[in-house]
Amino acid sequence: MTVIERVRPAETPAPARKPRVTDEHGRRIRGWELALRYALLLAVLAITVGPFLWQLSTSLKGPTEYIYSSPPTFLPQHPTLHNYQRVADTIPVWDYALNSLKVASANVVTNCVGSALAGYALARLRYRGRRVATLVFILAMLVPVEGIIIAQFTTMRELGLNNTLIGVVLPGCIGAMNVLLMRNAFLNLPYEIEEAAFVDGANVWQRFLRIALPSVKGTVAVVAIFAFMGAWDDFLWPLIVLSDPSRFTLTIGLNYLHGTFANDERLVAAGTVIAVAPLIALFACLQRYFFRGVGEGAVKG
């Protein structure tokens, strides 16, 4: 043993630190505060997901099971898919679903294309009256749909589009909220990138298609989800503009599951699950882009 080893004190291992839970600002979160947050999250989860789970459970229950038990039972004793077959026997649910899919798909395409073009024009192009145009879109969000629905119906009748799926799509083909989301997403892009492309000789369409639009894919996904949900869940406008049962959308067709004097809740629950399933599948496919797009299109303060 050398002199240095005899003089140097034995190194003691540092005590292990307890893992700390911090927030986004690096501030330590106490145990009771963390427990409170999780309790609130679980409460919100129960409020939002609970009704859907109850509907799903009801749709799988047989005719001999009581659905109004207290406390409610979410697990059916004898699960069955017979209620879904009864929905298809009662109404042409798949034809209605196809009509809704046509309307929703057209609404997604028109909103994504139109909102992207309008949002880019409001955010990037320089012209007189740009702020006024932005204000018009903001004011359009303040107008309730019920206040203009008679004018919309009159317009569709004059155009000869009553009782057509085009008449269902046309009033909502471009939403003011979607335009503002795209505008704010384009505003967050650095101008230097487009200026470099302009120096290289790129025109407006090339800058829009090759530089700006690929950078806001998340916001486009958000617009697509909002447009699909709005068209798929819409009940009032298709009910007004459509009169031919063969052109009914799913929301109108499911209304026939309600009887005049009695309702079969199992049948209604099965129809509700059929209507909600495409929305869940769409969000599951686009959720990665959705959460990214919320930050891209956030309204600036």
Foldseek 3Di string as FASTA:
>chain_A
DDPVVVVDDDDDDDDDDDDFDADPVRHTDDPVRVVVVVVVVVVVCCVVCVVLLLLVQLLQEDPVDDQPDVVGDSHHPHGDNVLLVVLVVQFVLVLQAVLLVVLLVLLLVLALVVLLVLLCCLAPPDDPCSVVVLVVLVVVVVDDCVVCLVVLLVVCVVVVNFQHSCSLNPVNSHHSVLNLLNNQLLNPDDVVVVVVVVVVPDDPVCCSPPPRVVSQQLSSLQSSLVSSVCSLQDDPNQVVRHDDSSNHHNNVRLVVQQDPPDHDSNNSSSSVCVSCVVSVVSCVVNVVSPVVSCVSRPDDD
